[in-house]
Amino acid sequence: MSSFSERMGYKQARSLVQTDDLDDETRMGLWNALVHLPVHFDATANHEDERMIVTWLWMKAFGRARDEMPRFSSTVWDLVKDRVLRGPFNECMDVIEDVMDATSLGRQNRFLDFVPGLANAINVQFERMLVGYRLINGHILPLDHELEISSVTEATGDGTPAAAREHLSTALTLLSDRRNPDYRNSVKESITAVESLARKITGARTLGEALTKLSASGIETHSALVKAWSGFYGYTSDAGGVRHGSQSVEKVDQALAKYILVICSAFVTWLSEEARIAGKL
């Protein structure tokens, strides 16, 4: 719900999605989410995990020498805070990913249950401030619609067979790399996730063949859906398709890579559920 000031015209309501920069209010909200980490460590006296995390941040996020690691962890948290509040847009997003990456170091200890809550707090800020990204599996992705987010999150979760999940996770990583995004190979990995699962279920050699064998494998599929997916598979696999690395494909951009990741994720989730019902997984 909008604030009193926005409803009464004292403050302009937020209407533009933030995709290339973050305003001061958003940055402060993100820091207030991240600051739960040092607060958590202070409350639990879990200094061993904290030291491990801040040391990793000192070396990776800030490129500093290990033997120059400051005595107090607060010095490193101050660097994180400064980058979130005042750093360039991309570096602000980078350090959020770095913090989430660093937390994985402590998951075998008492820190495990805290990580999902931290990711959720960051995503709440992204949503509230109309930021066109979401944090999924430690990566900040150009997603801002709940259906997109839920599709990718569910398909990369533990309920998806390992091979398909790995391909989708790789597609996600290639898409979210802001320094050197590889949209073409992200598309390849998304389609390969579907192919690996369909082949596993039907025993077919290709996705095209597997799609025609779904019904025979006990998975009821409307002919129109099979036709649509066969055409989609053909688009990515013909002589000029992205899966063969042809440069005749005019453009594989972020929008296309995101679209294919989302629809492949949804298809993998649906196919996994139907295959379990049919006793094929």
Protein backbone atom coordinates (compact mmCIF):
# COMPACT_ATOMS: atom_id res chain seq x y z
CA MET A 1 0.00 0.00 0.00
CA SER A 2 1.24 3.50 -0.77
CA SER A 3 2.25 5.77 2.08
CA PHE A 4 0.17 8.68 3.40
CA SER A 5 2.57 11.14 1.75
CA GLU A 6 2.17 9.42 -1.62
CA ARG A 7 -1.63 9.20 -1.40
CA MET A 8 -1.94 12.84 -0.39
CA GLY A 9 0.50 14.11 -3.02
CA TYR A 10 3.27 15.19 -0.65
CA LYS A 11 5.61 12.62 -2.14
CA GLN A 12 5.69 11.26 -5.68
CA ALA A 13 4.70 7.62 -5.83
CA ARG A 14 7.26 5.24 -7.29
CA SER A 15 6.22 4.29 -10.82
CA LEU A 16 9.37 3.37 -12.74
CA VAL A 17 11.09 0.01 -12.43
CA GLN A 18 14.74 0.42 -11.42
CA THR A 19 16.96 -1.54 -13.79
CA ASP A 20 20.13 0.52 -14.35
CA ASP A 21 20.61 2.25 -11.01
CA LEU A 22 19.22 2.33 -7.48
CA ASP A 23 18.00 5.37 -5.61
CA ASP A 24 19.16 6.20 -2.10
CA GLU A 25 16.03 4.82 -0.42
CA THR A 26 16.46 1.47 -2.15
CA ARG A 27 20.14 1.25 -1.25
CA MET A 28 19.34 1.97 2.39
CA GLY A 29 16.67 -0.72 2.38
CA LEU A 30 19.12 -3.25 0.95
CA TRP A 31 21.74 -2.40 3.55
CA ASN A 32 19.13 -2.69 6.31
CA ALA A 33 18.45 -6.21 5.04
CA LEU A 34 22.15 -7.15 4.88
CA VAL A 35 22.91 -5.68 8.30
CA HIS A 36 20.95 -8.56 9.81
CA LEU A 37 24.16 -10.57 9.27
CA PRO A 38 26.47 -8.75 11.70
CA VAL A 39 23.54 -8.29 14.08
CA HIS A 40 22.90 -12.04 13.93
CA PHE A 41 26.52 -12.81 14.68
CA ASP A 42 26.57 -10.42 17.62
CA ALA A 43 23.40 -11.97 19.03
CA THR A 44 24.63 -15.55 18.70
CA ALA A 45 28.30 -14.88 19.48
CA ASN A 46 29.02 -16.96 16.37
CA HIS A 47 32.32 -15.24 15.70
CA GLU A 48 33.92 -18.23 13.99
CA ASP A 49 31.43 -18.17 11.11
CA GLU A 50 31.54 -14.39 10.92
CA ARG A 51 35.33 -14.34 10.72
CA MET A 52 35.27 -16.91 7.94
CA ILE A 53 32.71 -14.88 5.97
CA VAL A 54 34.35 -11.48 6.37
CA THR A 55 37.76 -12.92 5.49
CA TRP A 56 36.31 -14.33 2.29
CA LEU A 57 34.68 -10.95 1.51
CA TRP A 58 37.91 -9.10 2.25
CA MET A 59 39.78 -11.19 -0.31
CA LYS A 60 37.16 -11.81 -3.04
CA ALA A 61 34.77 -8.87 -2.94
CA PHE A 62 37.42 -6.26 -2.21
CA GLY A 63 40.56 -7.94 -3.60
CA ARG A 64 42.63 -7.31 -0.49
CA ALA A 65 45.65 -9.27 0.78
CA ARG A 66 44.85 -11.88 3.42
CA ASP A 67 47.78 -10.87 5.61
CA GLU A 68 46.30 -7.36 5.75
CA MET A 69 42.97 -8.61 7.09
CA PRO A 70 41.76 -6.11 9.72
CA ARG A 71 41.47 -7.21 13.31
CA PHE A 72 37.82 -6.23 13.67
CA SER A 73 35.08 -7.70 11.45
CA SER A 74 33.23 -4.39 11.60
CA THR A 75 35.87 -2.88 9.30
CA VAL A 76 34.83 -5.27 6.51
CA TRP A 77 31.13 -4.71 7.14
CA ASP A 78 31.77 -0.99 6.80
CA LEU A 79 33.25 -1.64 3.35
CA VAL A 80 30.16 -3.65 2.38
CA LYS A 81 27.92 -0.86 3.65
CA ASP A 82 29.80 1.80 1.71
CA ARG A 83 29.57 -0.20 -1.51
CA VAL A 84 25.84 -0.81 -1.08
CA LEU A 85 25.05 2.80 -0.20
CA ARG A 86 27.48 4.66 -2.46
CA GLY A 87 29.06 2.28 -4.95
CA PRO A 88 28.20 2.09 -8.67
CA PHE A 89 25.02 0.15 -9.45
CA ASN A 90 26.82 -2.96 -10.68
CA GLU A 91 29.20 -3.03 -7.71
CA CYS A 92 26.29 -2.69 -5.31
CA MET A 93 24.65 -5.73 -6.90
CA ASP A 94 27.99 -7.58 -7.01
CA VAL A 95 28.60 -7.19 -3.29
CA ILE A 96 25.11 -8.47 -2.47
CA GLU A 97 25.89 -11.61 -4.49
CA ASP A 98 29.28 -11.80 -2.80
CA VAL A 99 27.70 -11.69 0.64
CA MET A 100 25.24 -14.45 -0.29
CA ASP A 101 28.09 -16.49 -1.76
CA ALA A 102 30.14 -16.00 1.38
CA THR A 103 27.32 -17.21 3.60
CA SER A 104 27.49 -20.64 1.97
CA LEU A 105 30.80 -21.10 3.78
CA GLY A 106 29.01 -21.21 7.11
CA ARG A 107 26.04 -23.35 6.15
CA GLN A 108 27.47 -26.47 7.74
CA ASN A 109 27.36 -24.68 11.08
CA ARG A 110 24.65 -22.84 12.98
CA PHE A 111 24.21 -20.37 10.15
CA LEU A 112 22.21 -22.69 7.87
CA ASP A 113 18.69 -21.62 8.79
CA PHE A 114 19.46 -17.92 8.52
CA VAL A 115 20.36 -17.80 4.81
CA PRO A 116 16.87 -18.18 3.24
CA GLY A 117 15.53 -15.41 5.46
CA LEU A 118 18.30 -13.09 4.33
CA ALA A 119 17.57 -13.77 0.65
CA ASN A 120 13.89 -13.18 1.27
CA ALA A 121 14.60 -9.86 3.02
CA ILE A 122 16.60 -8.67 0.01
CA ASN A 123 13.85 -9.74 -2.40
CA VAL A 124 11.27 -7.93 -0.30
CA GLN A 125 13.28 -4.74 -0.79
CA PHE A 126 13.62 -5.39 -4.52
CA GLU A 127 9.86 -5.86 -4.81
CA ARG A 128 8.90 -2.95 -2.59
CA MET A 129 11.22 -0.56 -4.41
CA LEU A 130 10.28 -1.78 -7.91
CA VAL A 131 13.73 -3.11 -8.71
CA GLY A 132 13.65 -5.23 -11.88
CA TYR A 133 15.73 -8.03 -10.36
CA ARG A 134 15.35 -10.87 -7.88
CA LEU A 135 17.86 -12.91 -5.89
CA ILE A 136 17.52 -16.60 -6.76
CA ASN A 137 19.99 -19.27 -5.66
CA GLY A 138 22.57 -16.61 -4.86
CA HIS A 139 22.32 -14.91 -8.27
CA ILE A 140 20.62 -11.59 -9.00
CA LEU A 141 18.49 -12.13 -12.09
CA PRO A 142 16.56 -9.71 -14.32
CA LEU A 143 13.19 -11.03 -13.12
CA ASP A 144 10.45 -8.97 -11.55
CA HIS A 145 7.22 -10.91 -12.08
CA GLU A 146 6.08 -13.47 -9.51
CA LEU A 147 5.29 -16.14 -12.12
CA GLU A 148 8.78 -15.83 -13.59
CA ILE A 149 10.38 -15.97 -10.17
CA SER A 150 8.36 -18.93 -8.93
CA SER A 151 8.96 -20.88 -12.16
CA VAL A 152 12.74 -20.56 -11.99
CA THR A 153 12.91 -21.04 -8.21
CA GLU A 154 10.83 -24.21 -8.27
CA ALA A 155 12.62 -25.74 -11.26
CA THR A 156 16.08 -25.19 -9.71
CA GLY A 157 15.02 -26.68 -6.38
CA ASP A 158 15.55 -30.15 -4.98
CA GLY A 159 12.33 -31.47 -6.50
CA THR A 160 13.81 -31.39 -10.01
CA PRO A 161 15.96 -34.31 -11.24
CA ALA A 162 19.66 -33.52 -10.87
CA ALA A 163 20.66 -33.28 -14.54
CA ALA A 164 17.84 -30.91 -15.49
CA ARG A 165 18.41 -28.86 -12.35
CA GLU A 166 22.11 -28.51 -13.14
CA HIS A 167 21.44 -27.32 -16.68
CA LEU A 168 18.91 -24.74 -15.48
CA SER A 169 21.29 -23.54 -12.77
CA THR A 170 24.01 -23.12 -15.41
CA ALA A 171 21.59 -21.20 -17.64
CA LEU A 172 20.75 -18.99 -14.67
CA THR A 173 24.43 -18.33 -13.98
CA LEU A 174 25.20 -17.44 -17.61
CA LEU A 175 22.23 -15.09 -17.76
CA SER A 176 23.01 -13.33 -14.48
CA ASP A 177 26.72 -12.68 -15.12
CA ARG A 178 26.74 -8.89 -15.38
CA ARG A 179 30.43 -8.72 -16.32
CA ASN A 180 30.23 -11.17 -19.21
CA PRO A 181 26.70 -12.51 -19.81
CA ASP A 182 26.47 -15.40 -22.25
CA TYR A 183 22.89 -15.33 -23.49
CA ARG A 184 23.40 -17.79 -26.33
CA ASN A 185 24.76 -20.51 -24.07
CA SER A 186 22.15 -19.71 -21.44
CA VAL A 187 19.51 -20.58 -24.04
CA LYS A 188 21.35 -23.81 -24.88
CA GLU A 189 21.44 -24.85 -21.23
CA SER A 190 17.75 -24.07 -20.73
CA ILE A 191 16.70 -26.23 -23.68
CA THR A 192 19.14 -28.96 -22.68
CA ALA A 193 17.47 -29.11 -19.26
CA VAL A 194 14.17 -30.00 -20.95
CA GLU A 195 15.88 -32.41 -23.30
CA SER A 196 17.73 -34.27 -20.54
CA LEU A 197 14.53 -34.76 -18.56
CA ALA A 198 12.40 -35.77 -21.55
CA ARG A 199 15.03 -38.27 -22.69
CA LYS A 200 15.29 -39.70 -19.17
CA ILE A 201 11.54 -40.27 -19.07
CA THR A 202 11.06 -41.69 -22.58
CA GLY A 203 14.43 -43.24 -23.42
CA ALA A 204 14.52 -41.24 -26.66
CA ARG A 205 17.71 -39.93 -28.21
CA THR A 206 16.58 -36.33 -28.84
CA LEU A 207 14.03 -33.90 -27.44
CA GLY A 208 12.10 -33.94 -30.68
CA GLU A 209 11.74 -37.71 -30.50
CA ALA A 210 11.02 -37.62 -26.77
CA LEU A 211 8.13 -35.19 -27.19
CA THR A 212 6.33 -37.62 -29.49
CA LYS A 213 6.78 -40.44 -26.96
CA LEU A 214 5.42 -38.70 -23.86
CA SER A 215 1.93 -40.14 -24.24
CA ALA A 216 3.31 -43.64 -24.75
CA SER A 217 5.27 -43.12 -21.51
CA GLY A 218 2.08 -42.47 -19.58
CA ILE A 219 2.15 -38.67 -19.68
CA GLU A 220 -1.00 -37.34 -21.28
CA THR A 221 -0.07 -34.42 -23.51
CA HIS A 222 -2.30 -32.49 -25.87
CA SER A 223 -1.18 -32.70 -29.47
CA ALA A 224 -1.14 -28.91 -29.75
CA LEU A 225 1.34 -28.69 -26.88
CA VAL A 226 3.57 -31.31 -28.47
CA LYS A 227 3.41 -29.41 -31.76
CA ALA A 228 4.27 -26.12 -30.05
CA TRP A 229 7.24 -27.60 -28.24
CA SER A 230 8.43 -29.41 -31.33
CA GLY A 231 8.40 -26.11 -33.21
CA PHE A 232 10.23 -24.40 -30.37
CA TYR A 233 12.83 -27.16 -30.27
CA GLY A 234 13.22 -26.86 -34.03
CA TYR A 235 13.85 -23.12 -33.73
CA THR A 236 16.77 -23.72 -31.39
CA SER A 237 18.17 -26.80 -33.15
CA ASP A 238 17.98 -26.23 -36.90
CA ALA A 239 21.01 -25.29 -39.00
CA GLY A 240 20.76 -21.67 -37.92
CA GLY A 241 19.63 -22.36 -34.39
CA VAL A 242 21.27 -21.13 -31.23
CA ARG A 243 22.15 -24.64 -30.05
CA HIS A 244 24.46 -25.14 -33.01
CA GLY A 245 26.28 -21.89 -32.43
CA SER A 246 25.31 -20.44 -35.78
CA GLN A 247 25.90 -16.74 -36.15
CA SER A 248 22.99 -16.51 -38.58
CA VAL A 249 20.69 -16.07 -35.60
CA GLU A 250 20.42 -12.32 -35.63
CA LYS A 251 20.06 -11.67 -31.94
CA VAL A 252 20.15 -13.61 -28.68
CA ASP A 253 19.70 -10.93 -26.05
CA GLN A 254 18.81 -10.82 -22.37
CA ALA A 255 15.07 -10.70 -23.03
CA LEU A 256 15.15 -13.85 -25.18
CA ALA A 257 17.44 -15.73 -22.79
CA LYS A 258 15.20 -14.82 -19.85
CA TYR A 259 12.06 -15.84 -21.72
CA ILE A 260 13.50 -19.23 -22.64
CA LEU A 261 14.81 -19.82 -19.10
CA VAL A 262 11.36 -19.12 -17.65
CA ILE A 263 9.36 -21.28 -20.06
CA CYS A 264 11.87 -24.14 -19.88
CA SER A 265 11.76 -23.96 -16.08
CA ALA A 266 7.98 -24.15 -16.13
CA PHE A 267 8.07 -27.07 -18.57
CA VAL A 268 10.62 -28.96 -16.46
CA THR A 269 8.50 -28.53 -13.33
CA TRP A 270 5.35 -29.71 -15.11
CA LEU A 271 7.12 -32.65 -16.75
CA SER A 272 8.72 -33.71 -13.46
CA GLU A 273 5.36 -33.73 -11.67
CA GLU A 274 3.62 -35.64 -14.45
CA ALA A 275 6.46 -38.17 -14.67
CA ARG A 276 6.24 -38.88 -10.95
CA ILE A 277 2.50 -39.43 -11.24
CA ALA A 278 3.15 -41.85 -14.13
CA GLY A 279 5.83 -43.64 -12.12
CA LYS A 280 8.62 -42.64 -14.50
CA LEU A 281 10.73 -40.78 -11.89
